[in-house]
Amino acid sequence: MAKLQSLDPITPMFAQFKEKTGPIVLANTFFVPKERTEAFLTLFRRQAEFMKAQPGFVSLQMHKGTGDSQLLMNIAVWESTEALATAFGSPEFQRMAAEFPDDIVSYPHIFEQVDV
């Protein structure tokens, strides 16, 4: 299973699930060794298809770092933290998440839009 690390150690993603807010953006940056990129994307596409079918899902995009970067970033929009937490906690999603190799590191964080 991929290792989950917090970008903000004071407010990890699981603590953010307690906030009743929305719409929200899940920004999840992954460190993926080069030799695992294609296998990672295959597994991720399966997860994405599952998530797209869940209540409250809005959109999803995957991005790859330029040059020789080993980073990929998923940007997913959800109607609410509650919808994301429900989908994330489902047994089917957890089974798929367990398939990722241990040398992949995931840095998920939830954001909400602010006016600038």
C-alpha atoms as a PDB file:
ATOM      1  CA  MET A   1       0.000   0.000   0.000  1.00  0.00           C
ATOM      2  CA  ALA A   2       1.244   3.510  -0.783  1.00  0.00           C
ATOM      3  CA  LYS A   3       2.484   5.523   2.178  1.00  0.00           C
ATOM      4  CA  LEU A   4       0.303   8.519   3.070  1.00  0.00           C
ATOM      5  CA  GLN A   5       2.174  11.609   4.236  1.00  0.00           C
ATOM      6  CA  SER A   6       0.672  14.927   5.334  1.00  0.00           C
ATOM      7  CA  LEU A   7       1.651  18.178   3.646  1.00  0.00           C
ATOM      8  CA  ASP A   8       0.299  19.967   6.723  1.00  0.00           C
ATOM      9  CA  PRO A   9       1.182  17.932   9.834  1.00  0.00           C
ATOM     10  CA  ILE A  10      -1.168  20.059  11.948  1.00  0.00           C
ATOM     11  CA  THR A  11      -4.147  19.227   9.741  1.00  0.00           C
ATOM     12  CA  PRO A  12      -3.789  15.847   8.002  1.00  0.00           C
ATOM     13  CA  MET A  13      -6.392  14.761   5.462  1.00  0.00           C
ATOM     14  CA  PHE A  14      -8.226  12.501   7.911  1.00  0.00           C
ATOM     15  CA  ALA A  15      -8.735  15.461  10.255  1.00  0.00           C
ATOM     16  CA  GLN A  16     -10.002  17.465   7.287  1.00  0.00           C
ATOM     17  CA  PHE A  17     -12.712  14.845   6.692  1.00  0.00           C
ATOM     18  CA  LYS A  18     -14.389  16.143   9.888  1.00  0.00           C
ATOM     19  CA  GLU A  19     -15.030  19.537   8.255  1.00  0.00           C
ATOM     20  CA  LYS A  20     -18.498  19.760   6.731  1.00  0.00           C
ATOM     21  CA  THR A  21     -17.741  21.980   3.759  1.00  0.00           C
ATOM     22  CA  GLY A  22     -17.918  22.033   0.010  1.00  0.00           C
ATOM     23  CA  PRO A  23     -17.298  22.177  -2.771  1.00  0.00           C
ATOM     24  CA  ILE A  24     -13.749  20.986  -2.136  1.00  0.00           C
ATOM     25  CA  VAL A  25     -10.641  20.089  -4.105  1.00  0.00           C
ATOM     26  CA  LEU A  26      -8.496  17.085  -3.236  1.00  0.00           C
ATOM     27  CA  ALA A  27      -4.931  17.735  -4.385  1.00  0.00           C
ATOM     28  CA  ASN A  28      -2.966  14.515  -4.099  1.00  0.00           C
ATOM     29  CA  THR A  29       0.696  14.524  -5.107  1.00  0.00           C
ATOM     30  CA  PHE A  30       2.322  11.140  -5.610  1.00  0.00           C
ATOM     31  CA  PHE A  31       6.018  10.252  -5.683  1.00  0.00           C
ATOM     32  CA  VAL A  32       6.219   7.371  -8.164  1.00  0.00           C
ATOM     33  CA  PRO A  33       9.537   5.724  -9.105  1.00  0.00           C
ATOM     34  CA  LYS A  34      10.010   5.967 -12.890  1.00  0.00           C
ATOM     35  CA  GLU A  35       9.859   2.215 -13.417  1.00  0.00           C
ATOM     36  CA  ARG A  36       6.431   2.104 -11.736  1.00  0.00           C
ATOM     37  CA  THR A  37       4.752   4.994 -13.589  1.00  0.00           C
ATOM     38  CA  GLU A  38       2.770   2.946 -16.115  1.00  0.00           C
ATOM     39  CA  ALA A  39       1.668   0.368 -13.540  1.00  0.00           C
ATOM     40  CA  PHE A  40       0.695   3.188 -11.151  1.00  0.00           C
ATOM     41  CA  LEU A  41      -1.404   4.895 -13.840  1.00  0.00           C
ATOM     42  CA  THR A  42      -3.161   1.622 -14.675  1.00  0.00           C
ATOM     43  CA  LEU A  43      -4.165   1.163 -11.015  1.00  0.00           C
ATOM     44  CA  PHE A  44      -5.055   4.832 -10.664  1.00  0.00           C
ATOM     45  CA  ARG A  45      -7.368   4.685 -13.700  1.00  0.00           C
ATOM     46  CA  ARG A  46      -9.298   1.851 -12.020  1.00  0.00           C
ATOM     47  CA  GLN A  47      -9.620   3.942  -8.867  1.00  0.00           C
ATOM     48  CA  ALA A  48     -10.685   6.973 -10.899  1.00  0.00           C
ATOM     49  CA  GLU A  49     -13.472   5.005 -12.614  1.00  0.00           C
ATOM     50  CA  PHE A  50     -14.750   3.922  -9.213  1.00  0.00           C
ATOM     51  CA  MET A  51     -14.606   7.472  -7.822  1.00  0.00           C
ATOM     52  CA  LYS A  52     -16.341   8.960 -10.868  1.00  0.00           C
ATOM     53  CA  ALA A  53     -19.363   6.771 -10.099  1.00  0.00           C
ATOM     54  CA  GLN A  54     -19.627   7.929  -6.465  1.00  0.00           C
ATOM     55  CA  PRO A  55     -22.224  10.446  -5.245  1.00  0.00           C
ATOM     56  CA  GLY A  56     -20.753  13.933  -4.938  1.00  0.00           C
ATOM     57  CA  PHE A  57     -17.945  13.436  -7.461  1.00  0.00           C
ATOM     58  CA  VAL A  58     -17.506  16.415  -9.821  1.00  0.00           C
ATOM     59  CA  SER A  59     -14.251  16.073 -11.800  1.00  0.00           C
ATOM     60  CA  LEU A  60     -10.730  14.679 -11.830  1.00  0.00           C
ATOM     61  CA  GLN A  61      -7.475  15.428 -13.649  1.00  0.00           C
ATOM     62  CA  MET A  62      -4.051  13.797 -13.368  1.00  0.00           C
ATOM     63  CA  HIS A  63      -0.887  15.799 -14.040  1.00  0.00           C
ATOM     64  CA  LYS A  64       2.744  14.673 -14.438  1.00  0.00           C
ATOM     65  CA  GLY A  65       5.756  16.716 -13.405  1.00  0.00           C
ATOM     66  CA  THR A  66       7.850  18.007 -16.285  1.00  0.00           C
ATOM     67  CA  GLY A  67      11.382  16.945 -17.153  1.00  0.00           C
ATOM     68  CA  ASP A  68      12.632  13.962 -15.171  1.00  0.00           C
ATOM     69  CA  SER A  69      10.162  14.527 -12.342  1.00  0.00           C
ATOM     70  CA  GLN A  70       8.845  11.446 -10.570  1.00  0.00           C
ATOM     71  CA  LEU A  71       5.781  13.347  -9.312  1.00  0.00           C
ATOM     72  CA  LEU A  72       2.195  12.986 -10.442  1.00  0.00           C
ATOM     73  CA  MET A  73      -0.665  15.094  -9.084  1.00  0.00           C
ATOM     74  CA  ASN A  74      -4.340  14.276  -9.012  1.00  0.00           C
ATOM     75  CA  ILE A  75      -6.758  17.203  -8.726  1.00  0.00           C
ATOM     76  CA  ALA A  76     -10.279  16.033  -7.884  1.00  0.00           C
ATOM     77  CA  VAL A  77     -13.308  18.218  -7.217  1.00  0.00           C
ATOM     78  CA  TRP A  78     -16.048  16.964  -4.901  1.00  0.00           C
ATOM     79  CA  GLU A  79     -19.335  18.469  -3.768  1.00  0.00           C
ATOM     80  CA  SER A  80     -18.346  18.047  -0.104  1.00  0.00           C
ATOM     81  CA  THR A  81     -15.823  16.569   2.302  1.00  0.00           C
ATOM     82  CA  GLU A  82     -18.512  14.150   3.408  1.00  0.00           C
ATOM     83  CA  ALA A  83     -18.915  12.760  -0.135  1.00  0.00           C
ATOM     84  CA  LEU A  84     -15.148  12.335  -0.513  1.00  0.00           C
ATOM     85  CA  ALA A  85     -14.781  10.723   2.918  1.00  0.00           C
ATOM     86  CA  THR A  86     -17.589   8.256   2.159  1.00  0.00           C
ATOM     87  CA  ALA A  87     -16.046   7.258  -1.178  1.00  0.00           C
ATOM     88  CA  PHE A  88     -12.525   7.065   0.290  1.00  0.00           C
ATOM     89  CA  GLY A  89     -13.690   4.902   3.193  1.00  0.00           C
ATOM     90  CA  SER A  90     -15.581   2.396   1.074  1.00  0.00           C
ATOM     91  CA  PRO A  91     -14.257  -1.178   1.220  1.00  0.00           C
ATOM     92  CA  GLU A  92     -13.939  -1.341  -2.581  1.00  0.00           C
ATOM     93  CA  PHE A  93     -11.775   1.788  -2.735  1.00  0.00           C
ATOM     94  CA  GLN A  94      -9.649   0.573   0.189  1.00  0.00           C
ATOM     95  CA  ARG A  95      -9.042  -2.754  -1.596  1.00  0.00           C
ATOM     96  CA  MET A  96      -7.830  -0.888  -4.694  1.00  0.00           C
ATOM     97  CA  ALA A  97      -5.660   1.453  -2.605  1.00  0.00           C
ATOM     98  CA  ALA A  98      -3.982  -1.562  -0.996  1.00  0.00           C
ATOM     99  CA  GLU A  99      -2.727  -2.653  -4.445  1.00  0.00           C
ATOM    100  CA  PHE A 100      -0.286   0.260  -4.746  1.00  0.00           C
ATOM    101  CA  PRO A 101       3.350  -0.695  -3.985  1.00  0.00           C
ATOM    102  CA  ASP A 102       4.967   0.472  -0.741  1.00  0.00           C
ATOM    103  CA  ASP A 103       7.518   2.656  -2.542  1.00  0.00           C
ATOM    104  CA  ILE A 104       4.824   5.088  -3.739  1.00  0.00           C
ATOM    105  CA  VAL A 105       4.225   8.035  -1.430  1.00  0.00           C
ATOM    106  CA  SER A 106       0.949   9.972  -1.462  1.00  0.00           C
ATOM    107  CA  TYR A 107       0.584  13.548  -0.164  1.00  0.00           C
ATOM    108  CA  PRO A 108      -3.186  14.251  -0.085  1.00  0.00           C
ATOM    109  CA  HIS A 109      -4.717  17.501   1.127  1.00  0.00           C
ATOM    110  CA  ILE A 110      -8.185  19.030   0.888  1.00  0.00           C
ATOM    111  CA  PHE A 111      -8.711  22.634  -0.164  1.00  0.00           C
ATOM    112  CA  GLU A 112     -11.633  24.973  -0.637  1.00  0.00           C
ATOM    113  CA  GLN A 113     -11.691  27.904  -3.021  1.00  0.00           C
ATOM    114  CA  VAL A 114     -11.011  31.422  -1.775  1.00  0.00           C
ATOM    115  CA  ASP A 115     -11.687  34.655  -3.605  1.00  0.00           C
ATOM    116  CA  VAL A 116      -8.649  36.629  -4.764  1.00  0.00           C
END
